[in-house]
Protein backbone atom coordinates (compact mmCIF):
# COMPACT_ATOMS: atom_id res chain seq x y z
CA MET A 1 -31.56 -9.94 16.23
CA ARG A 2 -28.15 -9.65 14.76
CA SER A 3 -25.09 -9.10 16.18
CA ILE A 4 -22.24 -6.99 14.83
CA GLY A 5 -20.84 -9.77 12.98
CA GLU A 6 -23.92 -11.56 11.77
CA MET A 7 -25.04 -7.31 10.40
CA ALA A 8 -22.06 -7.13 8.47
CA GLY A 9 -22.10 -9.92 6.56
CA ASP A 10 -25.58 -9.19 5.59
CA SER A 11 -25.45 -6.06 5.60
CA GLY A 12 -22.01 -5.31 3.23
CA LEU A 13 -21.03 -2.69 6.01
CA SER A 14 -17.68 -3.68 7.69
CA VAL A 15 -17.70 -4.46 11.94
CA SER A 16 -15.51 -1.35 11.64
CA ALA A 17 -18.26 0.47 9.93
CA LEU A 18 -20.89 -0.13 11.46
CA ARG A 19 -18.92 1.62 14.79
CA PHE A 20 -18.04 4.49 13.13
CA TYR A 21 -22.20 4.82 11.97
CA ASP A 22 -23.33 3.85 16.05
CA GLY A 23 -20.82 6.91 17.55
CA ALA A 24 -22.12 9.10 14.67
CA GLY A 25 -25.21 8.36 15.84
CA VAL A 26 -26.82 8.05 12.16
CA LEU A 27 -26.95 3.50 12.64
CA VAL A 28 -27.58 3.05 16.72
CA PRO A 29 -28.08 -0.12 17.83
CA ALA A 30 -31.27 -1.99 19.40
CA TRP A 31 -29.50 -3.22 22.16
CA VAL A 32 -25.92 -2.60 23.71
CA ASP A 33 -25.04 -5.92 26.36
CA PRO A 34 -24.46 -2.84 28.93
CA VAL A 35 -21.14 -5.72 30.53
CA SER A 36 -18.92 -6.31 26.87
CA GLY A 37 -20.75 -3.79 25.68
CA TYR A 38 -21.21 -5.86 22.56
CA ARG A 39 -23.87 -4.58 20.45
CA TRP A 40 -27.04 -6.27 18.58
CA TYR A 41 -29.53 -5.10 15.93
CA GLY A 42 -33.51 -5.82 15.37
CA PRO A 43 -34.73 -6.83 12.57
CA GLU A 44 -35.99 -3.92 11.11
CA GLN A 45 -32.60 -2.22 10.55
CA LEU A 46 -31.28 -4.78 8.24
CA ASP A 47 -32.76 -2.35 5.25
CA GLU A 48 -31.72 0.89 6.42
CA ALA A 49 -28.15 -1.40 6.89
CA ARG A 50 -28.08 -2.69 3.32
CA LEU A 51 -29.68 1.50 2.52
CA LEU A 52 -26.61 3.28 3.80
CA ALA A 53 -24.29 0.81 2.18
CA ARG A 54 -25.83 1.67 -0.64
CA LEU A 55 -25.54 5.40 0.07
CA ARG A 56 -21.90 4.31 1.56
CA ARG A 57 -21.38 3.90 -2.25
CA ALA A 58 -22.56 5.88 -4.01
CA GLY A 59 -20.08 8.70 -2.11
CA MET A 60 -22.93 10.88 -0.17
CA PRO A 61 -21.73 13.16 2.54
CA LEU A 62 -22.77 11.78 6.20
CA ALA A 63 -25.13 15.01 6.72
CA ASP A 64 -27.12 13.95 3.92
CA ILE A 65 -26.85 10.57 5.05
CA ARG A 66 -28.64 10.64 8.32
CA LEU A 67 -31.63 12.61 6.01
CA VAL A 68 -32.18 10.21 4.12
CA LEU A 69 -32.02 7.83 6.53
CA ALA A 70 -34.69 9.72 8.84
CA GLY A 71 -36.79 10.27 5.42
CA TRP A 72 -36.60 6.71 4.22
CA SER A 73 -38.32 5.77 7.82
CA SER A 74 -40.77 8.14 7.89
CA ALA A 75 -41.60 7.53 4.25
CA ASP A 76 -40.93 11.18 3.37
CA ALA A 77 -40.01 9.92 -0.39
CA ALA A 78 -40.33 13.83 -2.00
CA LEU A 79 -37.37 14.15 0.63
CA VAL A 80 -35.26 11.19 0.15
CA ARG A 81 -36.02 12.17 -3.78
CA GLU A 82 -35.03 15.68 -3.64
CA LEU A 83 -31.44 14.53 -1.94
CA LEU A 84 -30.54 12.08 -4.43
CA GLN A 85 -30.88 13.62 -6.99
CA THR A 86 -28.63 16.80 -5.58
CA HIS A 87 -26.21 14.05 -4.66
CA LEU A 88 -25.78 12.82 -8.25
CA ARG A 89 -26.14 16.51 -9.87
CA ARG A 90 -22.92 17.21 -7.11
CA LEU A 91 -21.25 14.15 -8.92
CA GLU A 92 -21.97 14.89 -12.08
CA ALA A 93 -20.37 18.51 -11.77
CA GLY A 94 -17.36 16.78 -9.90
CA LEU A 95 -17.27 14.09 -12.99
CA SER A 96 -17.12 16.91 -15.41
CA GLU A 97 -14.30 18.85 -12.76
CA ALA A 98 -12.22 16.34 -13.33
CA ARG A 99 -12.44 15.44 -16.82
CA ARG A 100 -11.20 18.73 -17.03
CA GLU A 101 -8.37 18.36 -15.05
CA PHE A 102 -7.29 15.18 -16.58
CA SER A 103 -7.67 16.76 -19.86
CA THR A 104 -4.80 19.35 -19.57
CA LEU A 105 -2.47 16.92 -16.51
CA ARG A 106 -2.77 14.63 -20.03
CA ALA A 107 -1.48 17.31 -22.14
CA LEU A 108 1.76 17.77 -20.22
CA LEU A 109 2.53 14.06 -19.96
CA GLU A 110 2.57 14.23 -23.30
CA ARG A 111 4.29 17.34 -24.00
CA ARG A 112 6.45 15.82 -21.15
CA GLU A 113 6.96 12.41 -22.83
CA LYS A 114 7.88 13.89 -25.86
CA THR A 115 11.53 15.59 -23.95
CA LEU A 116 12.76 13.08 -21.94
CA THR A 117 12.24 10.64 -25.40
CA SER A 118 14.66 13.20 -26.78
CA LEU A 119 16.91 12.54 -23.79
CA ARG A 120 16.98 8.52 -23.72
CA THR A 121 19.54 6.54 -21.93
CA ALA A 122 23.33 7.47 -22.68
CA THR A 123 25.19 3.72 -22.64
CA VAL A 124 25.90 2.74 -19.12
CA ARG A 125 28.62 -0.37 -18.18
CA LEU A 126 29.75 -0.71 -14.57
CA SER A 127 30.86 -4.13 -12.90
CA VAL A 128 28.86 -4.94 -8.95
CA ARG A 129 29.61 -7.70 -6.86
CA ALA A 130 27.29 -10.50 -7.53
CA PRO A 131 26.04 -10.76 -3.58
CA GLU A 132 25.12 -7.10 -3.16
CA LEU A 133 22.95 -7.32 -5.98
CA ALA A 134 21.14 -10.94 -5.57
CA ASP A 135 20.38 -9.68 -2.04
CA ALA A 136 19.06 -6.27 -3.32
CA LEU A 137 16.94 -8.00 -5.88
CA ASP A 138 15.46 -9.99 -3.16
CA ALA A 139 14.38 -7.13 -1.14
CA VAL A 140 12.54 -5.44 -3.96
CA ARG A 141 11.55 -7.75 -6.38
CA PHE A 142 8.23 -8.14 -4.04
CA ALA A 143 6.88 -5.11 -4.10
CA ALA A 144 6.77 -5.32 -7.90
CA ALA A 145 3.14 -4.83 -9.68
CA ALA A 146 1.27 -6.90 -11.24
CA ASP A 147 -1.73 -4.55 -13.03
CA PRO A 148 -1.90 -3.92 -16.70
CA GLU A 149 -2.23 -1.09 -16.10
CA LEU A 150 0.10 0.33 -13.81
CA PRO A 151 2.98 -0.94 -16.52
CA MET A 152 5.55 1.67 -15.14
CA LEU A 153 5.15 -0.16 -11.81
CA GLY A 154 5.64 -3.97 -13.52
CA GLY A 155 9.72 -3.53 -12.98
CA VAL A 156 12.61 -3.11 -10.89
CA LEU A 157 13.96 0.70 -11.40
CA PHE A 158 17.56 0.63 -11.49
CA ASP A 159 18.88 4.24 -10.41
CA ILE A 160 22.67 4.50 -11.60
CA GLU A 161 24.07 7.98 -10.11
CA GLY A 162 27.93 7.61 -9.99
CA GLU A 163 29.35 4.68 -8.00
CA GLU A 164 25.82 3.19 -6.26
CA LEU A 165 23.47 1.77 -7.51
CA ARG A 166 19.81 1.64 -6.03
CA LEU A 167 16.67 -0.74 -7.00
CA VAL A 168 12.88 0.21 -5.93
CA ALA A 169 10.18 -1.48 -6.92
CA THR A 170 6.61 -0.49 -6.09
CA ASP A 171 2.80 -0.92 -6.84
CA ARG A 172 1.69 1.87 -5.11
CA TYR A 173 0.58 -0.25 -1.71
CA ARG A 174 4.33 -0.50 -0.60
CA MET A 175 7.66 -0.20 -1.69
CA ALA A 176 10.81 -1.62 -1.55
CA VAL A 177 14.06 0.24 -1.45
CA ALA A 178 17.77 -1.95 -2.10
CA ARG A 179 21.45 -0.91 -3.22
CA ALA A 180 24.48 -2.31 -3.97
CA GLY A 181 27.88 -0.42 -4.27
CA THR A 182 29.73 -0.56 -8.00
CA THR A 183 32.52 0.32 -10.26
CA GLY A 184 33.44 1.57 -13.10
CA TYR A 185 30.59 4.24 -14.07
CA ASP A 186 31.40 7.58 -13.29
CA GLY A 187 28.31 9.42 -16.26
CA SER A 188 25.32 11.29 -15.33
CA ARG A 189 22.47 9.21 -13.30
CA GLU A 190 20.72 6.82 -15.42
CA GLN A 191 17.44 5.05 -15.07
CA VAL A 192 15.59 2.10 -16.11
CA VAL A 193 13.17 -0.29 -16.03
CA VAL A 194 13.61 -3.72 -16.26
CA PRO A 195 10.56 -5.69 -16.82
CA LEU A 196 9.58 -8.09 -13.81
CA PRO A 197 10.38 -11.39 -15.97
CA LEU A 198 13.70 -10.25 -16.17
CA ALA A 199 14.46 -8.78 -13.53
CA GLY A 200 13.96 -12.45 -12.82
CA ALA A 201 16.70 -14.26 -14.97
CA MET A 202 18.98 -11.64 -14.28
CA ARG A 203 18.48 -12.89 -10.52
CA ALA A 204 19.54 -16.45 -11.27
CA LEU A 205 22.04 -15.83 -12.74
CA LEU A 206 23.74 -14.38 -9.17
CA THR A 207 24.73 -17.36 -8.18
CA GLY A 208 28.67 -16.98 -7.43
CA GLU A 209 30.52 -14.60 -5.02
CA GLU A 210 32.31 -12.55 -8.78
CA ASP A 211 31.86 -9.21 -10.20
CA VAL A 212 28.93 -9.12 -12.58
CA ARG A 213 28.67 -6.39 -15.72
CA LEU A 214 25.62 -4.06 -16.11
CA ALA A 215 25.00 -2.31 -18.93
CA VAL A 216 22.95 -0.51 -20.60
CA ASP A 217 22.80 0.42 -24.19
CA GLY A 218 20.05 2.24 -26.40
CA ASP A 219 16.91 0.01 -25.16
CA ARG A 220 18.34 -2.52 -23.73
CA VAL A 221 19.76 -3.79 -20.42
CA ALA A 222 22.61 -6.87 -20.48
CA LEU A 223 23.62 -8.16 -17.01
CA GLU A 224 26.91 -10.91 -17.44
CA ALA A 225 27.91 -12.84 -15.07
CA GLY A 226 30.95 -14.78 -16.53
CA ASP A 227 29.67 -16.44 -20.21
CA ARG A 228 26.19 -16.42 -19.15
CA GLN A 229 23.78 -13.25 -19.88
CA ALA A 230 20.57 -12.26 -19.34
CA ALA A 231 18.88 -9.65 -21.84
CA GLY A 232 16.27 -7.61 -22.75
CA GLN A 233 14.83 -4.33 -23.49
CA PHE A 234 14.24 -2.40 -20.65
CA LEU A 235 10.32 -0.89 -20.02
CA ASP A 236 9.52 2.63 -22.39
CA HIS A 237 7.73 4.38 -18.74
CA ASP A 238 9.16 6.93 -16.81
CA PHE A 239 9.19 5.54 -12.68
CA PRO A 240 7.91 7.70 -9.95
CA ASP A 241 10.50 9.58 -8.39
CA TYR A 242 10.80 7.45 -4.94
CA ARG A 243 12.76 9.70 -3.43
CA ARG A 244 9.99 12.36 -3.17
CA LEU A 245 7.99 9.32 -1.07
CA VAL A 246 10.09 7.94 1.06
CA ARG A 247 9.99 11.31 3.54
CA VAL A 248 8.00 10.29 6.68
CA PRO A 249 7.05 12.27 10.01
CA ASP A 250 9.45 11.38 12.83
CA GLY A 251 8.13 8.98 15.17
CA CYS A 252 8.45 5.98 16.80
CA ARG A 253 10.96 2.30 16.42
CA ALA A 254 10.72 -0.55 17.08
CA VAL A 255 12.52 -3.32 17.05
CA VAL A 256 11.24 -6.86 15.92
CA ASP A 257 12.28 -11.12 16.65
CA VAL A 258 11.31 -11.64 13.35
CA PRO A 259 10.36 -15.51 13.41
CA ALA A 260 8.11 -14.61 16.67
CA PHE A 261 6.51 -11.54 15.01
CA GLN A 262 5.80 -13.83 12.52
CA GLU A 263 4.32 -15.98 14.09
CA ALA A 264 2.30 -13.51 15.73
CA VAL A 265 1.10 -11.73 12.46
CA ARG A 266 0.12 -15.62 10.28
CA THR A 267 -1.88 -16.75 13.89
CA GLY A 268 -3.16 -13.11 14.92
CA PRO A 269 -6.35 -11.39 14.79
CA VAL A 270 -7.19 -9.53 11.38
CA VAL A 271 -9.96 -6.42 11.60
CA SER A 272 -12.79 -5.57 9.16
CA GLY A 273 -12.04 -2.98 6.22
CA ASP A 274 -12.42 -2.20 2.96
CA VAL A 275 -9.39 -3.27 1.06
CA ARG A 276 -9.58 -5.64 -1.61
CA GLY A 277 -7.69 -6.99 -4.25
CA GLN A 278 -7.27 -7.26 -8.16
CA ASP A 279 -9.13 -10.11 -7.78
CA GLY A 280 -12.35 -8.30 -5.85
CA THR A 281 -11.51 -10.65 -3.17
CA PRO A 282 -11.11 -9.07 0.76
CA ARG A 283 -8.51 -8.23 1.74
CA ASP A 284 -6.49 -9.30 5.59
CA LEU A 285 -5.75 -6.27 7.54
CA THR A 286 -3.39 -6.23 10.04
CA LEU A 287 -3.70 -3.82 13.48
CA LEU A 288 -0.20 -3.20 14.25
CA ARG A 289 -0.47 -0.84 18.15
CA VAL A 290 3.11 0.43 19.31
CA THR A 291 4.14 2.31 22.40
CA PRO A 292 7.02 4.83 22.44
CA ASP A 293 9.16 2.70 24.38
CA GLY A 294 9.30 0.54 21.17
CA THR A 295 6.84 -2.26 21.62
CA VAL A 296 4.65 -3.63 19.27
CA THR A 297 1.88 -6.26 19.33
CA VAL A 298 -1.08 -7.24 16.52
CA SER A 299 -4.56 -6.58 17.78
CA GLY A 300 -7.68 -7.69 16.84
CA ASP A 301 -11.00 -5.77 16.07
CA GLY A 302 -12.12 -5.51 19.79
CA ASP A 303 -10.07 -5.50 21.32
CA GLU A 304 -9.99 -2.38 24.74
CA GLU A 305 -7.87 0.85 24.01
CA PRO A 306 -4.33 0.73 25.55
CA THR A 307 -4.81 3.35 28.81
CA GLY A 308 -1.92 4.83 30.33
CA ARG A 309 0.54 5.96 27.44
CA GLU A 310 0.17 6.50 24.21
CA HIS A 311 0.49 4.72 21.29
CA VAL A 312 0.10 4.54 17.49
CA ARG A 313 -2.27 2.07 15.97
CA VAL A 314 -2.16 1.64 12.34
CA ALA A 315 -3.68 -1.09 10.38
CA VAL A 316 -1.51 -3.16 6.86
CA ASP A 317 -1.92 -5.14 4.35
CA ARG A 318 -1.49 -8.73 6.05
CA ALA A 319 0.09 -10.43 3.20
CA PHE A 320 2.26 -7.01 2.56
CA LEU A 321 3.37 -7.76 5.39
CA LEU A 322 4.90 -10.57 6.02
CA ASP A 323 6.24 -10.45 2.52
CA ALA A 324 7.88 -7.27 3.60
CA LEU A 325 9.34 -9.34 7.15
CA ALA A 326 10.52 -12.27 4.77
CA ALA A 327 11.82 -9.56 2.54
CA GLY A 328 14.39 -7.81 5.44
CA ALA A 329 16.19 -11.35 5.41
CA ARG A 330 17.30 -11.07 9.41
CA ASP A 331 16.55 -12.21 12.60
CA ARG A 332 16.07 -9.00 13.69
CA LEU A 333 14.14 -6.20 11.84
CA VAL A 334 13.44 -2.77 13.01
CA LEU A 335 9.64 -0.90 12.50
CA GLU A 336 9.23 2.40 12.17
CA PHE A 337 5.32 4.07 12.57
CA GLY A 338 4.81 8.21 12.57
CA ALA A 339 1.06 8.98 12.40
CA PRO A 340 -1.59 6.14 11.68
CA THR A 341 -1.56 8.05 8.46
CA ALA A 342 2.25 7.86 7.73
CA PRO A 343 4.05 4.30 5.95
CA VAL A 344 5.25 1.62 8.03
CA THR A 345 9.07 1.58 7.29
CA ILE A 346 10.78 -1.88 8.17
CA ARG A 347 14.38 -1.65 7.84
CA ARG A 348 17.31 -4.00 8.90
CA PRO A 349 19.64 -2.67 11.88
CA ASP A 350 22.97 -3.34 9.90
CA ASP A 351 21.89 -1.94 6.77
CA GLU A 352 19.89 1.68 6.63
CA ASP A 353 19.83 2.03 2.75
CA THR A 354 17.30 -1.34 2.32
CA PHE A 355 13.72 -0.87 3.33
CA SER A 356 10.25 -1.08 2.71
CA MET A 357 7.23 0.94 3.45
CA LEU A 358 3.62 -0.50 3.22
CA MET A 359 0.75 2.13 3.04
CA PRO A 360 -1.63 1.80 6.27
CA VAL A 361 -5.50 0.65 5.68
CA ARG A 362 -7.60 3.80 7.18
CA LEU A 363 -10.35 1.94 9.77
CA GLU A 364 -13.41 3.65 10.20
CA ASN A 365 -13.80 3.47 13.50
């Protein structure tokens, strides 16, 4: 007999997936301990679990997976073959439709790029306090993307509007926003994406208390601090409209003591999931449970559900959560939770304009 953890390791299905398929009646354990509720699987179920994992990766609907497994166990090869062929035709039709839609989207993007290129950046010159800009850069740089296939996210957006400078970075799974006040510019809104290495060079200049000067001219952006300068080309890509992404549903708020919460996240349990990094290695997930009274705890895969009161249950990438807590640069931070599928927002209690957001990870159980 295999435990659920052993079955997960041998089959390629996560523990949460095995629980889900047990509840769905697709792969039911051979025996469940009546006291602990722990699941055990028979030797013959390993082949079924591996088959299930392959069908799952191929995107087969649950109803069809159930029929394939039934046909497999009864040696009904004709039924299995027909179900596989039907699903393959469905995938091919979906791919053809997706190609048509993407072809249309590419054409729309090309027309939009031509329009935007003709409206490219005007000259901008402004002053900003060095400590403010340093704090803003520290609050957002961690969230920039390192994916070469997404060059538009490989930097920090400098969004200049009136006497306000917003810095934004995102890699799609997390986003960070910070604000700094400016003087000396009253023109139209301008946006440039500063490459991450140049943003780092700018941060290195911000060691004093004086005002520094930011300039955008043509395709170049420069920061001057005294007689020192960091300058270079900004990225020739349009940044996503982050203002649309920061609208999250109302929910509950929890104030956390950051050092204690960081330790709880670092040393607490991780849950199983299918999230992988760019190198293909699995990412550790932290499961957060939050009650309406503002209590947040780090839970594990096997922890019992709280009883007697409603709660929000959200899984996030553990490393991303630790990065966001460190970038918050406060002993106390506010965590905001909406629906389980909404981003988790991490704010400074004394600065609502500086925050980061983490996308939740869907658990299947």
